[in-house]
């Protein structure tokens, strides 16, 4: 699927995502137009999903992150769909994951402080449909949060 040049391109993009296309092409020893075609191919293959801004939400005053493990009442066949649709609407929910097993869904919720979290929890989380059980885990420290792959 990927050749050595594709892997080199991806490694360089991960190492320095802010590098301009001409600088990246120079570093890889290729023309900008050839690099552009390779990047287009990687996007068409869905290897590259695009570029994005990674925002440090702590720098914006969000000091609390809570991981909620949710078990749904699966007696309703639409429980997952309805729960996920409603959870997506909560702005402070920054990540939603689904699982097989005892826990069905994990939500990552950010808040400015514990009072703000309590407000989000009471006004938004507890109103989500089909919750059978919910467990909150408060994050103490992020030990590893890398998105760089060993390519």
C-alpha atoms as a PDB file:
ATOM      1  CA  UNK A   1       0.000   0.000   0.000  1.00  0.00           C
ATOM      2  CA  UNK A   2       2.659   2.543   1.021  1.00  0.00           C
ATOM      3  CA  UNK A   3       6.094   2.688  -0.534  1.00  0.00           C
ATOM      4  CA  UNK A   4       9.279   4.023   1.082  1.00  0.00           C
ATOM      5  CA  UNK A   5       8.721   7.544  -0.247  1.00  0.00           C
ATOM      6  CA  UNK A   6       5.189   7.647   1.192  1.00  0.00           C
ATOM      7  CA  UNK A   7       6.576   6.542   4.568  1.00  0.00           C
ATOM      8  CA  UNK A   8       9.307   9.212   4.445  1.00  0.00           C
ATOM      9  CA  UNK A   9       6.702  11.858   3.632  1.00  0.00           C
ATOM     10  CA  UNK A  10       4.514  10.762   6.552  1.00  0.00           C
ATOM     11  CA  UNK A  11       7.467  10.619   8.979  1.00  0.00           C
ATOM     12  CA  UNK A  12       8.508  14.154   8.037  1.00  0.00           C
ATOM     13  CA  UNK A  13       4.941  15.462   8.285  1.00  0.00           C
ATOM     14  CA  UNK A  14       4.600  13.937  11.758  1.00  0.00           C
ATOM     15  CA  UNK A  15       7.970  15.288  12.889  1.00  0.00           C
ATOM     16  CA  UNK A  16       7.234  18.848  11.741  1.00  0.00           C
ATOM     17  CA  UNK A  17       3.568  19.346  10.805  1.00  0.00           C
ATOM     18  CA  UNK A  18       4.067  23.103  10.315  1.00  0.00           C
ATOM     19  CA  UNK A  19       6.706  22.699   7.614  1.00  0.00           C
ATOM     20  CA  UNK A  20       5.751  24.339   4.314  1.00  0.00           C
ATOM     21  CA  UNK A  21       5.272  22.185   1.229  1.00  0.00           C
ATOM     22  CA  UNK A  22       8.369  23.634  -0.540  1.00  0.00           C
ATOM     23  CA  UNK A  23      10.537  23.051   2.554  1.00  0.00           C
ATOM     24  CA  UNK A  24       9.209  19.516   2.919  1.00  0.00           C
ATOM     25  CA  UNK A  25       9.898  18.828  -0.755  1.00  0.00           C
ATOM     26  CA  UNK A  26      13.465  20.132  -0.350  1.00  0.00           C
ATOM     27  CA  UNK A  27      14.025  17.982   2.714  1.00  0.00           C
ATOM     28  CA  UNK A  28      12.796  14.919   0.808  1.00  0.00           C
ATOM     29  CA  UNK A  29      14.768  15.773  -2.343  1.00  0.00           C
ATOM     30  CA  UNK A  30      11.760  16.103  -4.625  1.00  0.00           C
ATOM     31  CA  UNK A  31       9.835  18.817  -6.439  1.00  0.00           C
ATOM     32  CA  UNK A  32       6.917  20.566  -4.787  1.00  0.00           C
ATOM     33  CA  UNK A  33       4.546  19.427  -7.540  1.00  0.00           C
ATOM     34  CA  UNK A  34       5.575  15.769  -7.152  1.00  0.00           C
ATOM     35  CA  UNK A  35       5.168  16.034  -3.362  1.00  0.00           C
ATOM     36  CA  UNK A  36       1.731  17.619  -3.871  1.00  0.00           C
ATOM     37  CA  UNK A  37       0.662  14.686  -6.054  1.00  0.00           C
ATOM     38  CA  UNK A  38       1.918  12.207  -3.421  1.00  0.00           C
ATOM     39  CA  UNK A  39       0.026  14.004  -0.661  1.00  0.00           C
ATOM     40  CA  UNK A  40      -3.123  14.055  -2.819  1.00  0.00           C
ATOM     41  CA  UNK A  41      -2.731  10.289  -3.306  1.00  0.00           C
ATOM     42  CA  UNK A  42      -2.329   9.748   0.437  1.00  0.00           C
ATOM     43  CA  UNK A  43      -5.499  11.777   1.034  1.00  0.00           C
ATOM     44  CA  UNK A  44      -7.428   9.801  -1.617  1.00  0.00           C
ATOM     45  CA  UNK A  45      -6.277   6.582   0.067  1.00  0.00           C
ATOM     46  CA  UNK A  46      -7.580   8.053   3.358  1.00  0.00           C
ATOM     47  CA  UNK A  47      -4.122   7.651   4.940  1.00  0.00           C
ATOM     48  CA  UNK A  48      -4.003  11.419   5.481  1.00  0.00           C
ATOM     49  CA  UNK A  49      -7.258  12.758   6.840  1.00  0.00           C
ATOM     50  CA  UNK A  50      -6.200  16.369   6.478  1.00  0.00           C
ATOM     51  CA  UNK A  51      -4.525  18.929   8.659  1.00  0.00           C
ATOM     52  CA  UNK A  52      -5.930  20.321  11.857  1.00  0.00           C
ATOM     53  CA  UNK A  53      -5.157  22.713  14.625  1.00  0.00           C
ATOM     54  CA  UNK A  54      -4.377  20.986  17.903  1.00  0.00           C
ATOM     55  CA  UNK A  55      -5.675  23.275  20.618  1.00  0.00           C
ATOM     56  CA  UNK A  56      -4.350  23.116  24.156  1.00  0.00           C
ATOM     57  CA  UNK A  57      -7.650  23.319  26.006  1.00  0.00           C
ATOM     58  CA  UNK A  58      -5.828  23.725  29.335  1.00  0.00           C
ATOM     59  CA  UNK A  59      -4.320  26.983  28.043  1.00  0.00           C
ATOM     60  CA  UNK A  60      -7.881  28.172  27.435  1.00  0.00           C
ATOM     61  CA  UNK A  61      -8.815  27.660  31.064  1.00  0.00           C
ATOM     62  CA  UNK A  62     -10.140  24.094  31.041  1.00  0.00           C
ATOM     63  CA  UNK A  63      -8.396  22.546  34.045  1.00  0.00           C
ATOM     64  CA  UNK A  64     -10.552  19.441  34.574  1.00  0.00           C
ATOM     65  CA  UNK A  65     -10.880  16.332  32.420  1.00  0.00           C
ATOM     66  CA  UNK A  66     -13.203  13.520  33.421  1.00  0.00           C
ATOM     67  CA  UNK A  67     -13.569  10.185  31.698  1.00  0.00           C
ATOM     68  CA  UNK A  68     -17.084   8.798  31.948  1.00  0.00           C
ATOM     69  CA  UNK A  69     -17.621   5.096  31.392  1.00  0.00           C
ATOM     70  CA  UNK A  70     -21.232   4.545  30.416  1.00  0.00           C
ATOM     71  CA  UNK A  71     -23.254   1.352  30.255  1.00  0.00           C
ATOM     72  CA  UNK A  72     -26.411   1.710  28.216  1.00  0.00           C
ATOM     73  CA  UNK A  73     -29.822   0.133  28.656  1.00  0.00           C
ATOM     74  CA  UNK A  74     -29.708  -2.061  25.589  1.00  0.00           C
ATOM     75  CA  UNK A  75     -33.341  -3.141  25.794  1.00  0.00           C
ATOM     76  CA  UNK A  76     -34.010  -0.342  23.302  1.00  0.00           C
ATOM     77  CA  UNK A  77     -32.563  -1.223  19.869  1.00  0.00           C
ATOM     78  CA  UNK A  78     -31.873   2.482  19.182  1.00  0.00           C
ATOM     79  CA  UNK A  79     -30.070   3.073  22.498  1.00  0.00           C
ATOM     80  CA  UNK A  80     -26.607   3.472  20.970  1.00  0.00           C
ATOM     81  CA  UNK A  81     -27.723   5.724  18.120  1.00  0.00           C
ATOM     82  CA  UNK A  82     -29.829   7.980  20.322  1.00  0.00           C
ATOM     83  CA  UNK A  83     -27.208   8.207  23.073  1.00  0.00           C
ATOM     84  CA  UNK A  84     -24.365   8.984  20.649  1.00  0.00           C
ATOM     85  CA  UNK A  85     -26.387  11.606  18.778  1.00  0.00           C
ATOM     86  CA  UNK A  86     -27.207  13.400  22.020  1.00  0.00           C
ATOM     87  CA  UNK A  87     -23.644  13.120  23.397  1.00  0.00           C
ATOM     88  CA  UNK A  88     -22.219  14.686  20.204  1.00  0.00           C
ATOM     89  CA  UNK A  89     -24.247  17.833  20.955  1.00  0.00           C
ATOM     90  CA  UNK A  90     -22.461  18.520  24.255  1.00  0.00           C
ATOM     91  CA  UNK A  91     -19.638  20.952  23.462  1.00  0.00           C
ATOM     92  CA  UNK A  92     -17.519  19.921  26.441  1.00  0.00           C
ATOM     93  CA  UNK A  93     -17.480  16.281  25.306  1.00  0.00           C
ATOM     94  CA  UNK A  94     -14.218  16.167  23.385  1.00  0.00           C
ATOM     95  CA  UNK A  95     -14.056  12.436  22.696  1.00  0.00           C
ATOM     96  CA  UNK A  96     -16.538   9.601  22.340  1.00  0.00           C
ATOM     97  CA  UNK A  97     -15.487   5.962  22.091  1.00  0.00           C
ATOM     98  CA  UNK A  98     -17.618   2.830  21.896  1.00  0.00           C
ATOM     99  CA  UNK A  99     -16.624  -0.580  23.255  1.00  0.00           C
ATOM    100  CA  UNK A 100     -17.637  -4.197  23.354  1.00  0.00           C
ATOM    101  CA  UNK A 101     -17.962  -5.513  26.880  1.00  0.00           C
ATOM    102  CA  UNK A 102     -19.368  -4.276  30.169  1.00  0.00           C
ATOM    103  CA  UNK A 103     -18.749  -0.602  29.319  1.00  0.00           C
ATOM    104  CA  UNK A 104     -20.474   0.535  26.132  1.00  0.00           C
ATOM    105  CA  UNK A 105     -19.259   4.115  25.727  1.00  0.00           C
ATOM    106  CA  UNK A 106     -16.498   6.331  27.099  1.00  0.00           C
ATOM    107  CA  UNK A 107     -16.877  10.106  27.066  1.00  0.00           C
ATOM    108  CA  UNK A 108     -14.046  12.553  27.733  1.00  0.00           C
ATOM    109  CA  UNK A 109     -15.483  15.714  29.257  1.00  0.00           C
ATOM    110  CA  UNK A 110     -13.552  18.924  29.906  1.00  0.00           C
ATOM    111  CA  UNK A 111     -14.524  21.715  32.266  1.00  0.00           C
ATOM    112  CA  UNK A 112     -13.033  24.914  33.645  1.00  0.00           C
ATOM    113  CA  UNK A 113     -13.267  23.682  37.240  1.00  0.00           C
ATOM    114  CA  UNK A 114     -15.234  21.224  39.374  1.00  0.00           C
ATOM    115  CA  UNK A 115     -18.209  23.566  39.669  1.00  0.00           C
ATOM    116  CA  UNK A 116     -18.395  23.822  35.875  1.00  0.00           C
ATOM    117  CA  UNK A 117     -18.074  20.030  35.586  1.00  0.00           C
ATOM    118  CA  UNK A 118     -20.927  19.546  38.080  1.00  0.00           C
ATOM    119  CA  UNK A 119     -23.088  21.849  35.950  1.00  0.00           C
ATOM    120  CA  UNK A 120     -22.248  19.946  32.746  1.00  0.00           C
ATOM    121  CA  UNK A 121     -22.866  16.628  34.495  1.00  0.00           C
ATOM    122  CA  UNK A 122     -26.240  17.609  35.923  1.00  0.00           C
ATOM    123  CA  UNK A 123     -27.586  19.611  32.971  1.00  0.00           C
ATOM    124  CA  UNK A 124     -26.227  17.566  30.072  1.00  0.00           C
ATOM    125  CA  UNK A 125     -24.717  14.186  30.952  1.00  0.00           C
ATOM    126  CA  UNK A 126     -27.501  12.977  33.226  1.00  0.00           C
ATOM    127  CA  UNK A 127     -30.084  13.910  30.597  1.00  0.00           C
ATOM    128  CA  UNK A 128     -28.520  11.650  27.944  1.00  0.00           C
ATOM    129  CA  UNK A 129     -30.901   8.860  26.926  1.00  0.00           C
ATOM    130  CA  UNK A 130     -30.643   5.170  27.824  1.00  0.00           C
ATOM    131  CA  UNK A 131     -27.998   5.359  30.576  1.00  0.00           C
ATOM    132  CA  UNK A 132     -28.099   2.262  32.776  1.00  0.00           C
ATOM    133  CA  UNK A 133     -24.885   2.989  34.684  1.00  0.00           C
ATOM    134  CA  UNK A 134     -22.206   5.641  34.668  1.00  0.00           C
ATOM    135  CA  UNK A 135     -18.774   5.765  36.305  1.00  0.00           C
ATOM    136  CA  UNK A 136     -16.608   8.879  36.454  1.00  0.00           C
ATOM    137  CA  UNK A 137     -12.813   8.771  36.453  1.00  0.00           C
ATOM    138  CA  UNK A 138     -11.034  12.061  36.995  1.00  0.00           C
ATOM    139  CA  UNK A 139      -7.757  12.412  35.140  1.00  0.00           C
ATOM    140  CA  UNK A 140      -4.813  13.180  37.393  1.00  0.00           C
ATOM    141  CA  UNK A 141      -2.073  13.240  34.739  1.00  0.00           C
ATOM    142  CA  UNK A 142      -1.663  12.506  31.053  1.00  0.00           C
ATOM    143  CA  UNK A 143       1.378  10.244  30.827  1.00  0.00           C
ATOM    144  CA  UNK A 144       1.387   9.677  27.069  1.00  0.00           C
ATOM    145  CA  UNK A 145      -0.815  11.344  24.482  1.00  0.00           C
ATOM    146  CA  UNK A 146       1.074  10.911  21.217  1.00  0.00           C
ATOM    147  CA  UNK A 147      -0.541  10.607  17.841  1.00  0.00           C
ATOM    148  CA  UNK A 148       2.756   9.972  16.065  1.00  0.00           C
ATOM    149  CA  UNK A 149       2.909   6.539  14.463  1.00  0.00           C
ATOM    150  CA  UNK A 150       6.042   4.447  13.970  1.00  0.00           C
ATOM    151  CA  UNK A 151       6.064   4.599  10.172  1.00  0.00           C
END
